[in-house]
Protein backbone atom coordinates (compact mmCIF):
# COMPACT_ATOMS: atom_id res chain seq x y z
CA MET A 1 7.32 -14.14 5.17
CA THR A 2 4.77 -15.15 2.58
CA PRO A 3 4.74 -12.38 0.10
CA ASN A 4 1.76 -10.07 0.51
CA ARG A 5 0.32 -6.65 -0.36
CA ARG A 6 3.59 -4.83 0.90
CA THR A 7 5.45 -6.51 -1.80
CA PHE A 8 4.10 -3.91 -4.25
CA MET A 9 4.96 -0.78 -1.84
CA LYS A 10 8.28 -0.46 -3.29
CA ARG A 11 7.56 -0.10 -7.12
CA ALA A 12 8.64 2.83 -8.60
CA GLY A 13 5.57 3.22 -10.80
CA SER A 14 3.01 3.41 -8.01
CA VAL A 15 5.12 6.07 -6.19
CA ALA A 16 5.59 8.11 -9.38
CA ALA A 17 2.26 7.96 -10.48
CA LEU A 18 0.95 10.02 -7.14
CA ALA A 19 2.31 13.11 -8.98
CA ALA A 20 0.31 12.55 -12.03
CA VAL A 21 -3.33 12.70 -10.48
CA GLY A 22 -4.72 16.09 -10.20
CA ALA A 23 -4.70 17.79 -6.76
CA THR A 24 -7.09 19.97 -5.36
CA GLY A 25 -5.10 21.24 -2.17
CA ALA A 26 -2.17 20.50 -0.19
CA SER A 27 -0.27 20.89 3.08
CA ALA A 28 3.12 22.44 2.46
CA GLU A 29 4.45 21.33 5.47
CA SER A 30 4.07 17.61 5.28
CA GLY A 31 3.41 16.91 1.66
CA TRP A 32 -0.33 15.65 1.77
CA THR A 33 -2.75 16.60 -1.05
CA THR A 34 -6.06 16.02 -1.66
CA ARG A 35 -7.07 14.40 -4.82
CA GLU A 36 -10.32 14.74 -6.74
CA SER A 37 -12.73 11.89 -5.85
CA PRO A 38 -15.71 10.77 -8.28
CA THR A 39 -17.70 9.75 -5.08
CA GLY A 40 -19.14 12.16 -2.06
CA SER A 41 -19.82 8.85 -0.32
CA THR A 42 -17.70 7.58 2.06
CA LEU A 43 -14.32 5.53 1.42
CA TYR A 44 -13.70 2.54 3.84
CA ASP A 45 -10.47 0.83 2.54
CA VAL A 46 -7.68 1.31 0.22
CA GLU A 47 -5.33 -0.86 -1.41
CA GLU A 48 -2.56 -1.43 -3.92
CA THR A 49 -2.60 -3.87 -6.82
CA THR A 50 -0.45 -4.72 -9.77
CA ALA A 51 -2.68 -2.08 -11.51
CA GLY A 52 -2.40 0.38 -9.18
CA VAL A 53 -4.25 1.76 -6.09
CA TYR A 54 -8.09 1.00 -5.40
CA ALA A 55 -10.46 2.35 -2.77
CA VAL A 56 -13.79 1.16 -1.93
CA GLY A 57 -16.88 2.40 -0.09
CA ALA A 58 -20.34 3.04 0.59
CA GLY A 59 -23.02 2.13 -2.06
CA GLY A 60 -20.65 -0.64 -3.33
CA VAL A 61 -18.21 1.90 -4.95
CA VAL A 62 -14.73 0.91 -6.33
CA LEU A 63 -12.40 3.44 -7.50
CA GLU A 64 -9.31 3.07 -9.42
CA ARG A 65 -6.64 5.46 -9.54
CA THR A 66 -5.56 6.37 -13.27
CA PRO A 67 -3.11 8.71 -14.84
CA LYS A 68 -5.93 11.06 -15.46
CA GLY A 69 -7.31 10.73 -11.78
CA TYR A 70 -9.61 8.50 -9.88
CA VAL A 71 -12.57 6.97 -11.71
CA LYS A 72 -15.43 4.51 -10.75
CA VAL A 73 -14.95 1.16 -12.01
CA LEU A 74 -17.80 -0.32 -10.16
CA ASP A 75 -20.91 1.06 -8.39
CA GLY A 76 -23.33 -1.10 -6.58
CA GLY A 77 -20.87 -3.77 -4.99
CA PRO A 78 -20.51 -7.51 -6.44
CA THR A 79 -24.26 -7.92 -6.33
CA GLY A 80 -25.32 -4.44 -7.63
CA ASN A 81 -27.68 -3.91 -4.83
CA GLY A 82 -25.48 -0.94 -3.44
CA ASN A 83 -24.27 -2.85 -0.55
CA SER A 84 -21.75 -0.73 0.97
CA LEU A 85 -18.02 -2.24 1.11
CA TYR A 86 -16.08 -1.72 4.54
CA GLY A 87 -13.07 -3.74 3.62
CA ALA A 88 -10.49 -4.77 1.01
CA ASP A 89 -7.34 -6.82 0.60
CA VAL A 90 -5.26 -8.06 -2.46
CA THR A 91 -3.86 -11.53 -3.03
CA ASP A 92 -0.22 -12.22 -2.80
CA ASP A 93 0.72 -11.35 -6.61
CA GLY A 94 -1.46 -8.38 -6.58
CA LYS A 95 -3.81 -9.61 -9.52
CA ARG A 96 -7.07 -9.81 -7.63
CA LEU A 97 -8.88 -7.16 -5.18
CA TRP A 98 -11.27 -8.92 -2.79
CA PHE A 99 -13.58 -6.84 -0.96
CA VAL A 100 -16.49 -7.29 1.63
CA GLY A 101 -19.36 -5.28 3.07
CA SER A 102 -22.98 -5.05 4.26
CA SER A 103 -25.62 -7.90 3.61
CA GLY A 104 -22.98 -10.75 3.10
CA ALA A 105 -21.46 -8.82 0.21
CA ILE A 106 -17.94 -10.56 -1.07
CA GLY A 107 -16.44 -9.65 -4.50
CA GLU A 108 -13.16 -10.67 -6.24
CA TYR A 109 -12.07 -8.14 -8.76
CA ASP A 110 -9.60 -9.18 -11.40
CA VAL A 111 -7.43 -5.86 -11.93
CA GLU A 112 -6.05 -6.97 -15.05
CA THR A 113 -9.18 -8.20 -16.84
CA GLY A 114 -11.79 -5.89 -15.03
CA THR A 115 -13.88 -9.02 -14.27
CA LEU A 116 -15.78 -9.43 -11.18
CA GLN A 117 -16.96 -12.62 -9.20
CA SER A 118 -19.38 -12.47 -6.52
CA HIS A 119 -18.79 -14.81 -3.49
CA SER A 120 -21.45 -12.99 -1.66
CA ALA A 121 -23.57 -14.73 1.26
CA PRO A 122 -21.21 -17.73 1.79
CA MET A 123 -23.43 -20.31 3.76
CA ASP A 124 -26.23 -18.06 3.17
CA VAL A 125 -25.08 -15.60 5.61
CA THR A 126 -26.09 -12.10 4.92
CA ASN A 127 -24.92 -10.50 8.00
CA ASN A 128 -22.48 -7.28 7.76
CA PHE A 129 -18.76 -8.07 6.98
CA ASN A 130 -16.27 -5.41 8.02
CA ASP A 131 -12.94 -6.66 6.78
CA VAL A 132 -11.08 -9.23 4.88
CA SER A 133 -7.69 -10.57 4.61
CA VAL A 134 -6.57 -13.02 1.74
CA THR A 135 -3.43 -14.91 1.22
CA GLY A 136 -2.07 -16.82 -1.75
CA ARG A 137 -1.98 -16.16 -5.41
CA ALA A 138 -4.80 -15.06 -7.76
CA GLY A 139 -7.18 -17.96 -7.96
CA GLU A 140 -5.80 -19.75 -5.34
CA ALA A 141 -6.14 -17.72 -2.12
CA ASN A 142 -7.11 -18.39 1.41
CA VAL A 143 -9.87 -15.74 2.21
CA TYR A 144 -10.73 -14.48 5.70
CA VAL A 145 -13.62 -12.39 6.46
CA ALA A 146 -14.57 -10.60 9.62
CA GLY A 147 -17.93 -10.60 10.65
CA ASP A 148 -20.35 -8.02 12.49
CA SER A 149 -21.82 -11.07 14.36
CA GLY A 150 -18.48 -12.07 15.99
CA LYS A 151 -17.93 -14.76 13.49
CA LEU A 152 -14.88 -15.36 11.35
CA TYR A 153 -15.77 -16.99 8.00
CA TYR A 154 -12.85 -18.63 6.10
CA SER A 155 -12.50 -20.56 2.84
CA PHE A 156 -8.95 -22.20 1.96
CA GLU A 157 -10.29 -22.50 -1.74
CA ASN A 158 -10.66 -19.25 -3.05
CA GLY A 159 -13.91 -18.65 -1.67
CA GLU A 160 -15.53 -21.01 -3.76
CA SER A 161 -19.11 -22.32 -2.82
CA GLN A 162 -19.32 -25.14 -0.26
CA THR A 163 -15.75 -24.37 0.69
CA TRP A 164 -16.89 -21.87 3.57
CA GLU A 165 -16.63 -22.53 7.55
CA TYR A 166 -16.99 -20.24 10.27
CA THR A 167 -15.64 -20.19 13.78
CA THR A 168 -16.54 -17.65 16.77
CA PRO A 169 -13.09 -16.49 18.00
CA ALA A 170 -13.92 -14.93 21.29
CA SER A 171 -17.14 -13.37 22.89
CA GLY A 172 -19.21 -13.12 20.02
CA SER A 173 -18.63 -9.24 19.67
CA ALA A 174 -18.04 -7.74 16.27
CA ILE A 175 -14.73 -8.68 14.52
CA ASN A 176 -13.65 -5.34 13.41
CA ALA A 177 -10.32 -6.02 11.61
CA VAL A 178 -8.22 -8.88 10.43
CA ASP A 179 -4.80 -9.38 8.89
CA PHE A 180 -2.60 -11.96 8.30
CA HIS A 181 1.13 -12.13 7.65
CA ASP A 182 1.34 -15.79 5.98
CA ALA A 183 -0.93 -18.22 4.60
CA THR A 184 -2.84 -19.33 7.92
CA SER A 185 -1.34 -16.85 10.45
CA GLY A 186 -2.59 -13.65 11.59
CA HIS A 187 -4.62 -11.45 13.89
CA ILE A 188 -7.88 -10.06 14.35
CA VAL A 189 -9.26 -7.37 16.84
CA ASP A 190 -12.64 -7.49 18.02
CA GLY A 191 -15.60 -5.24 19.87
CA ASN A 192 -14.66 -6.56 23.22
CA GLN A 193 -11.24 -4.88 23.16
CA THR A 194 -9.63 -8.15 22.41
CA VAL A 195 -6.82 -9.09 20.25
CA LEU A 196 -6.48 -12.72 18.87
CA TYR A 197 -3.95 -14.90 16.65
CA THR A 198 -4.25 -17.89 14.77
CA ARG A 199 -1.47 -20.30 13.56
CA ASP A 200 -3.68 -22.55 11.49
CA GLY A 201 -6.26 -19.72 10.12
CA ALA A 202 -9.19 -21.95 12.15
CA THR A 203 -8.51 -21.87 15.72
CA TRP A 204 -7.93 -18.71 17.63
CA ASP A 205 -6.17 -17.81 21.16
CA LYS A 206 -6.22 -14.51 22.98
CA LEU A 207 -3.10 -12.37 23.04
CA GLY A 208 -4.38 -9.39 24.98
CA ILE A 209 -4.84 -6.51 25.59
CA GLU A 210 -5.29 -5.93 29.29
CA ASN A 211 -6.80 -2.59 30.53
CA ALA A 212 -6.62 -1.04 27.33
CA ASN A 213 -10.01 1.08 27.81
CA HIS A 214 -10.53 1.86 24.28
CA ASN A 215 -12.14 -0.10 21.29
CA PHE A 216 -9.86 -1.41 18.64
CA TYR A 217 -10.37 -0.62 15.06
CA GLY A 218 -7.48 -1.36 13.26
CA VAL A 219 -4.77 -4.26 13.11
CA ASP A 220 -1.54 -4.80 10.92
CA SER A 221 -0.24 -8.22 11.37
CA ASP A 222 3.67 -8.23 10.52
CA GLY A 223 4.60 -11.53 12.38
CA PHE A 224 3.92 -13.08 15.42
CA ASP A 225 6.22 -10.84 17.32
CA ASP A 226 5.20 -7.63 15.31
CA VAL A 227 1.58 -6.77 15.67
CA TRP A 228 -0.02 -3.21 15.59
CA VAL A 229 -3.43 -2.08 16.84
CA SER A 230 -4.96 1.05 16.51
CA GLY A 231 -8.07 2.37 18.69
CA GLY A 232 -10.14 4.90 20.24
CA GLY A 233 -8.68 7.81 22.23
CA GLY A 234 -5.81 7.98 20.01
CA THR A 235 -4.33 4.96 21.26
CA ILE A 236 -1.74 2.73 19.43
CA PHE A 237 -0.38 -0.47 20.68
CA HIS A 238 2.54 -2.87 19.52
CA TRP A 239 3.10 -6.27 20.29
CA ASN A 240 6.71 -6.92 20.20
CA GLY A 241 6.88 -10.70 21.13
CA SER A 242 7.04 -10.12 24.75
CA GLU A 243 4.88 -7.15 25.62
CA TRP A 244 2.31 -4.54 24.57
CA ILE A 245 3.67 -0.97 24.14
CA ARG A 246 1.13 1.77 24.33
CA SER A 247 1.40 5.11 22.52
CA ASP A 248 -1.15 7.90 22.88
CA THR A 249 -1.52 10.24 20.10
CA GLY A 250 -4.59 12.56 21.44
CA ASP A 251 -8.36 12.24 21.35
CA ALA A 252 -9.03 11.34 17.97
CA GLY A 253 -9.87 7.54 17.33
CA GLN A 254 -7.36 5.96 14.89
CA ARG A 255 -9.08 3.77 12.48
CA ASP A 256 -6.25 2.11 10.74
CA ILE A 257 -2.76 1.55 10.87
CA GLU A 258 -0.16 0.30 8.51
CA VAL A 259 4.04 -0.27 9.31
CA ALA A 260 6.63 -1.43 7.74
CA GLY A 261 9.81 -1.76 9.76
CA ARG A 262 10.74 0.39 12.55
CA ASP A 263 10.28 3.68 10.91
CA GLU A 264 7.95 3.46 7.93
CA GLY A 265 4.40 3.63 8.74
CA TYR A 266 1.10 5.82 9.15
CA VAL A 267 -1.85 5.57 11.30
CA VAL A 268 -5.34 7.54 10.32
CA GLY A 269 -8.21 8.48 12.10
CA GLY A 270 -11.01 11.21 13.20
CA GLY A 271 -10.94 14.74 11.88
CA GLY A 272 -8.33 14.27 9.11
CA LYS A 273 -5.51 13.42 11.69
CA VAL A 274 -2.57 11.40 10.42
CA TYR A 275 0.46 10.21 12.24
CA ASP A 276 3.73 9.26 10.76
CA ARG A 277 6.14 6.94 12.29
CA GLU A 278 9.56 8.50 12.38
CA ASP A 279 12.66 7.36 14.84
CA GLU A 280 10.51 5.18 16.47
CA LYS A 281 8.03 7.56 17.24
CA TRP A 282 4.47 8.69 16.22
CA THR A 283 4.49 12.46 14.86
CA ALA A 284 1.45 14.33 13.57
CA ASP A 285 1.33 15.32 9.96
CA ALA A 286 -0.62 18.28 8.90
CA THR A 287 -3.22 17.38 6.09
CA PRO A 288 -5.46 19.39 3.91
CA THR A 289 -8.92 17.83 4.97
CA GLY A 290 -10.56 17.66 8.22
CA GLN A 291 -12.61 14.74 7.45
CA ASN A 292 -12.60 11.58 8.97
CA LEU A 293 -10.07 9.08 7.74
CA LYS A 294 -10.97 5.31 7.31
CA ALA A 295 -7.89 3.64 6.10
CA VAL A 296 -4.28 4.01 4.70
CA VAL A 297 -2.08 2.13 2.53
CA LEU A 298 1.75 2.44 2.17
CA LEU A 299 3.46 2.87 -1.29
CA GLY A 300 7.02 2.75 -0.25
CA GLY A 301 9.09 5.54 1.50
CA GLU A 302 7.15 8.19 2.58
CA SER A 303 4.44 7.67 -0.16
CA ALA A 304 0.83 6.65 0.68
CA VAL A 305 -2.63 7.02 -0.08
CA ALA A 306 -5.52 7.46 2.78
CA VAL A 307 -9.45 7.53 2.34
CA GLY A 308 -12.48 8.56 4.37
CA ALA A 309 -15.80 10.15 4.68
CA GLY A 310 -17.21 12.42 1.79
CA GLY A 311 -15.05 10.57 -0.95
CA THR A 312 -12.08 11.79 0.75
CA ILE A 313 -8.70 11.15 -0.74
CA VAL A 314 -5.38 12.37 0.41
CA GLU A 315 -1.78 11.25 -0.83
CA ARG A 316 1.69 11.89 0.20
């Protein structure tokens, strides 16, 4: 597997840094702690880079976790117009944070120099973008953007102007999430309860899921025989290469999922719900928030960061 954002989960510095950020509330049962947030706006995604954890959200806010707490490094999005940011990802070397959002917003943020480059409105498209996945090193990335109009936009040349192309992988329903496990191989989920895969980054085929009966919100692509999907009604699906295995965690919609191996992973969703994967089963964790959670990132071992409505940040 080509190295990706999970490369950085095992860094001791990131895990140790959790203890350095001021806490405002905690759940003694599970170890989840609420952190002070410099925004009251919804945070839609969270990622880990070589410079630490970053979160993105409404109004184009980008937060960085520092030893003194979370601080704003960007407010207004890549164009400064206040476009909300709904998805983020990092290059394989962890040096660039990419984010996408409303009105065609696409940004590439260098976490080492603090410089920002806008790739917004590719092909003059100003529709909403829901998610992004990037593969490759800083400055040399393949970029895949999930469109709310059902189109998947992609550039094999780091998002440079005139290098963008697009395809409509399925029925035209909104693509809710995208994730790649190597340079040109990955998965998407759309608003028509469909999971699709690609091997070349451009052409897509259906993988499932029949009779799911719930919308799909999150996807974690770890290989062609290892795909996780989270959805409405507390549903979690796992593709093991031969069949979809379904788990039910309750009524809350599960907005995001990230898994590493058989027994390391989290899924997060409505009402502050968090489920922890242990002994190949999903177990509910108590959290100190009732806010809807939108995204989670693993940092190694049991450490993780989740973000959501009202600027909520919880860490374990």
